[in-house]
Amino acid sequence: MVSMETKMTDLSEPEGAGAEGNVGKSLAWISVAAIATVFTAGAIIGVIKADTENGEALSMTAMAIIALLVAIVGGLIYAQWSLARNIRTGGGPLTGREKLNRNIMVGCGLLGAVMGAALVATDGSLSGNAAPDPPAVLTDAPLSLAVAVGLAIFWAVIMPVIAWFWHTRAIDEQEAGAYRDGGYYAAYAYLIGAPAWWFLWRGGLLPEPNGTLIFCLFATIWTAVWFWKKYR
């Protein structure tokens, strides 16, 4: 009986299912750590601006806070590196298609972190201009020509090529279905949430809709549902 139950248990859970779930969790945490890195970097800029707005040098308190935030950024970067290493070494052997999918996901996550860091680094507070109240990644603050062109080329030219390659070479039907479901949920959230926010703003109950924030929420919902459908 024990032998039969063991075999039934083995049949009920396909080989590698646990590993695939661990990969999904690691990718999700890498995404969270990358976002936290960007916003922590924004907090460092905010502390510098607030403490030097009168033209004075940084106070000891500000330096202590900045040192703590820098340590947090270091910890987050190490966590992303460690998680990426675990994905490479853990979970047993993967097929060539699964390895390609994993590598594309990790690469896109790291590129997204680099893009966010570039936006934070161009915050107006570093050039003596008035910095926007929200983080730079959520505003329409001016960018340098080189950064603007570089980001636009990456987003409008390179990203579509990566997406096409990912869809045609790196994913299976199950992942494609999970990805489509994420798009459906995100689309309905946008179609319902964006107009509702617009109506309430016009009624004086909410601040003016922020297109960048709406885009970020749209992408977050899409990604969350995609991962939920794939790894549940």
Protein backbone atom coordinates (compact mmCIF):
# COMPACT_ATOMS: atom_id res chain seq x y z
CA MET A 1 0.00 0.00 0.00
CA VAL A 2 2.78 2.43 0.87
CA SER A 3 4.45 1.71 -2.45
CA MET A 4 1.22 2.31 -4.35
CA GLU A 5 0.58 5.57 -2.49
CA THR A 6 4.11 6.70 -3.26
CA LYS A 7 3.61 5.97 -6.94
CA MET A 8 0.26 7.77 -6.97
CA THR A 9 1.87 10.78 -5.30
CA ASP A 10 4.63 10.77 -7.88
CA LEU A 11 2.06 10.62 -10.67
CA SER A 12 -0.03 13.43 -9.19
CA GLU A 13 2.92 15.84 -9.24
CA PRO A 14 4.90 15.93 -12.50
CA GLU A 15 8.66 15.72 -12.21
CA GLY A 16 10.13 19.19 -11.97
CA ALA A 17 6.85 20.83 -10.87
CA GLY A 18 8.38 21.85 -7.53
CA ALA A 19 11.44 23.21 -9.29
CA GLU A 20 9.31 25.23 -11.69
CA GLY A 21 7.41 26.71 -8.76
CA ASN A 22 10.67 27.67 -7.05
CA VAL A 23 11.87 29.34 -10.25
CA GLY A 24 8.64 31.35 -10.40
CA LYS A 25 8.98 32.47 -6.79
CA SER A 26 12.60 33.45 -7.35
CA LEU A 27 11.70 35.49 -10.43
CA ALA A 28 8.89 37.19 -8.52
CA TRP A 29 11.25 38.13 -5.68
CA ILE A 30 13.85 39.38 -8.15
CA SER A 31 11.18 41.69 -9.61
CA VAL A 32 10.19 42.95 -6.14
CA ALA A 33 13.84 43.53 -5.19
CA ALA A 34 14.50 45.41 -8.45
CA ILE A 35 11.54 47.74 -7.84
CA ALA A 36 12.63 48.27 -4.23
CA THR A 37 16.14 49.12 -5.44
CA VAL A 38 14.80 51.84 -7.73
CA PHE A 39 12.64 53.43 -5.04
CA THR A 40 15.40 53.22 -2.42
CA ALA A 41 17.71 55.02 -4.84
CA GLY A 42 14.98 57.65 -5.21
CA ALA A 43 14.83 57.97 -1.42
CA ILE A 44 18.58 58.64 -1.32
CA ILE A 45 18.14 61.46 -3.83
CA GLY A 46 15.23 62.83 -1.78
CA VAL A 47 17.30 62.89 1.41
CA ILE A 48 20.17 64.68 -0.35
CA LYS A 49 17.82 67.30 -1.82
CA ALA A 50 15.97 67.91 1.44
CA ASP A 51 19.16 68.31 3.48
CA THR A 52 21.01 70.56 1.01
CA GLU A 53 18.19 72.79 -0.22
CA ASN A 54 19.54 75.68 1.86
CA GLY A 55 23.00 75.35 0.31
CA GLU A 56 24.48 73.73 3.41
CA ALA A 57 26.56 70.56 3.59
CA LEU A 58 24.98 67.25 4.49
CA SER A 59 24.29 66.86 8.19
CA MET A 60 25.49 63.85 10.18
CA THR A 61 21.90 62.62 10.46
CA ALA A 62 21.43 62.80 6.70
CA MET A 63 24.71 60.99 6.09
CA ALA A 64 23.67 58.26 8.51
CA ILE A 65 20.34 57.87 6.73
CA ILE A 66 22.05 57.81 3.33
CA ALA A 67 24.53 55.20 4.56
CA LEU A 68 21.63 53.03 5.74
CA LEU A 69 19.83 53.40 2.41
CA VAL A 70 23.01 52.59 0.49
CA ALA A 71 23.40 49.45 2.60
CA ILE A 72 19.80 48.52 1.78
CA VAL A 73 20.49 48.99 -1.93
CA GLY A 74 23.56 46.77 -1.59
CA GLY A 75 21.50 44.13 0.16
CA LEU A 76 18.82 44.25 -2.51
CA ILE A 77 21.39 43.92 -5.30
CA TYR A 78 22.98 40.97 -3.51
CA ALA A 79 19.55 39.37 -3.06
CA GLN A 80 18.86 39.67 -6.79
CA TRP A 81 22.25 38.17 -7.62
CA SER A 82 21.72 35.33 -5.13
CA LEU A 83 18.24 34.54 -6.45
CA ALA A 84 19.50 34.56 -10.03
CA ARG A 85 22.30 32.18 -9.03
CA ASN A 86 19.80 29.85 -7.34
CA ILE A 87 17.72 29.80 -10.51
CA ARG A 88 20.81 28.83 -12.51
CA THR A 89 21.87 26.03 -10.16
CA GLY A 90 18.70 24.78 -8.51
CA GLY A 91 15.65 22.77 -9.49
CA GLY A 92 17.31 20.00 -11.48
CA PRO A 93 17.99 19.89 -15.21
CA LEU A 94 15.92 22.13 -17.47
CA THR A 95 15.21 21.76 -21.15
CA GLY A 96 16.86 24.13 -23.61
CA ARG A 97 13.55 25.99 -24.06
CA GLU A 98 13.10 26.38 -20.30
CA LYS A 99 16.67 27.67 -19.90
CA LEU A 100 16.11 30.21 -22.68
CA ASN A 101 12.84 31.34 -21.06
CA ARG A 102 14.53 31.69 -17.67
CA ASN A 103 17.49 33.60 -19.07
CA ILE A 104 15.24 36.03 -20.96
CA MET A 105 13.15 36.67 -17.83
CA VAL A 106 16.19 37.29 -15.64
CA GLY A 107 17.77 39.50 -18.31
CA CYS A 108 14.61 41.58 -18.73
CA GLY A 109 14.35 42.01 -14.96
CA LEU A 110 17.93 43.27 -14.73
CA LEU A 111 17.43 45.58 -17.74
CA GLY A 112 14.30 46.97 -16.11
CA ALA A 113 16.30 47.72 -12.97
CA VAL A 114 18.95 49.50 -15.06
CA MET A 115 16.26 51.59 -16.81
CA GLY A 116 14.70 52.55 -13.48
CA ALA A 117 18.10 53.48 -12.07
CA ALA A 118 18.78 55.64 -15.15
CA LEU A 119 15.52 57.50 -14.60
CA VAL A 120 16.26 58.03 -10.92
CA ALA A 121 19.80 59.19 -11.70
CA THR A 122 18.43 61.92 -14.01
CA ASP A 123 16.21 63.39 -11.28
CA GLY A 124 16.38 67.18 -11.43
CA SER A 125 17.55 67.39 -7.82
CA LEU A 126 21.02 66.34 -8.92
CA SER A 127 21.38 69.20 -11.38
CA GLY A 128 20.15 71.97 -9.13
CA ASN A 129 16.62 72.03 -10.56
CA ALA A 130 13.54 71.58 -8.46
CA ALA A 131 12.99 67.85 -8.16
CA PRO A 132 9.51 66.51 -8.76
CA ASP A 133 7.52 65.60 -5.67
CA PRO A 134 6.98 61.94 -6.71
CA PRO A 135 9.97 59.81 -7.76
CA ALA A 136 11.43 60.60 -11.18
CA VAL A 137 10.16 57.32 -12.60
CA LEU A 138 6.57 58.50 -12.02
CA THR A 139 6.80 62.01 -13.44
CA ASP A 140 7.13 63.80 -16.77
CA ALA A 141 10.33 65.52 -15.65
CA PRO A 142 12.74 66.37 -18.51
CA LEU A 143 15.44 63.86 -19.44
CA SER A 144 18.77 64.45 -21.11
CA LEU A 145 18.67 63.85 -24.88
CA ALA A 146 21.03 60.87 -24.69
CA VAL A 147 19.02 59.12 -21.96
CA ALA A 148 15.68 59.84 -23.66
CA VAL A 149 16.83 58.53 -27.06
CA GLY A 150 18.53 55.50 -25.51
CA LEU A 151 15.47 54.50 -23.48
CA ALA A 152 13.13 55.10 -26.44
CA ILE A 153 15.24 52.93 -28.76
CA PHE A 154 15.40 50.16 -26.18
CA TRP A 155 11.66 50.25 -25.47
CA ALA A 156 10.39 50.69 -29.06
CA VAL A 157 12.97 48.67 -31.02
CA ILE A 158 14.83 46.18 -28.85
CA MET A 159 11.95 45.18 -26.56
CA PRO A 160 9.63 44.12 -29.45
CA VAL A 161 12.43 41.95 -30.85
CA ILE A 162 12.95 40.31 -27.44
CA ALA A 163 9.19 39.80 -27.08
CA TRP A 164 8.90 38.21 -30.55
CA PHE A 165 11.84 35.90 -29.84
CA TRP A 166 10.37 34.97 -26.44
CA HIS A 167 6.94 34.17 -27.88
CA THR A 168 8.27 32.11 -30.79
CA ARG A 169 11.28 30.35 -29.25
CA ALA A 170 11.09 30.28 -25.45
CA ILE A 171 7.56 29.53 -24.20
CA ASP A 172 5.02 26.72 -24.44
CA GLU A 173 1.22 26.78 -24.73
CA GLN A 174 0.71 26.79 -20.95
CA GLU A 175 2.88 29.88 -20.47
CA ALA A 176 1.32 31.60 -23.48
CA GLY A 177 -2.13 31.02 -21.96
CA ALA A 178 -1.04 32.38 -18.58
CA TYR A 179 0.43 35.44 -20.31
CA ARG A 180 -2.81 36.07 -22.24
CA ASP A 181 -4.87 35.74 -19.04
CA GLY A 182 -2.65 38.35 -17.39
CA GLY A 183 -3.34 40.67 -20.32
CA TYR A 184 -7.10 40.15 -19.98
CA TYR A 185 -7.11 40.97 -16.26
CA ALA A 186 -4.85 43.99 -16.75
CA ALA A 187 -6.97 45.28 -19.65
CA TYR A 188 -10.17 45.10 -17.61
CA ALA A 189 -8.46 46.77 -14.64
CA TYR A 190 -7.38 49.59 -16.96
CA LEU A 191 -10.78 49.92 -18.66
CA ILE A 192 -12.51 50.14 -15.28
CA GLY A 193 -9.92 51.87 -13.11
CA ALA A 194 -8.60 54.62 -15.40
CA PRO A 195 -11.99 56.17 -16.28
CA ALA A 196 -13.11 55.88 -12.63
CA TRP A 197 -10.00 57.77 -11.52
CA TRP A 198 -10.62 60.39 -14.26
CA PHE A 199 -14.27 60.86 -13.16
CA LEU A 200 -13.31 61.23 -9.49
CA TRP A 201 -10.54 63.70 -10.38
CA ARG A 202 -13.02 65.83 -12.29
CA GLY A 203 -15.26 65.71 -9.23
CA GLY A 204 -12.44 66.95 -7.01
CA LEU A 205 -12.08 63.74 -5.01
CA LEU A 206 -8.74 62.48 -6.39
CA PRO A 207 -5.55 64.07 -7.74
CA GLU A 208 -5.04 64.32 -11.50
CA PRO A 209 -4.54 60.89 -13.12
CA ASN A 210 -0.89 59.98 -13.53
CA GLY A 211 -0.34 58.19 -16.82
CA THR A 212 2.98 56.67 -15.77
CA LEU A 213 1.52 55.31 -12.54
CA ILE A 214 -1.43 53.85 -14.46
CA PHE A 215 1.00 52.15 -16.85
CA CYS A 216 2.99 50.71 -13.92
CA LEU A 217 -0.17 49.38 -12.28
CA PHE A 218 -1.30 47.89 -15.61
CA ALA A 219 2.05 46.09 -16.03
CA THR A 220 2.07 44.95 -12.38
CA ILE A 221 -1.40 43.40 -12.62
CA TRP A 222 -0.50 41.70 -15.92
CA THR A 223 2.70 40.24 -14.46
CA ALA A 224 1.08 39.17 -11.17
CA VAL A 225 -1.75 37.29 -12.89
CA TRP A 226 0.66 35.77 -15.41
CA PHE A 227 2.87 34.38 -12.63
CA TRP A 228 -0.16 33.27 -10.59
CA LYS A 229 -1.63 31.37 -13.52
CA LYS A 230 1.70 29.80 -14.40
CA TYR A 231 2.94 28.72 -10.98
CA ARG A 232 -0.21 28.12 -8.96
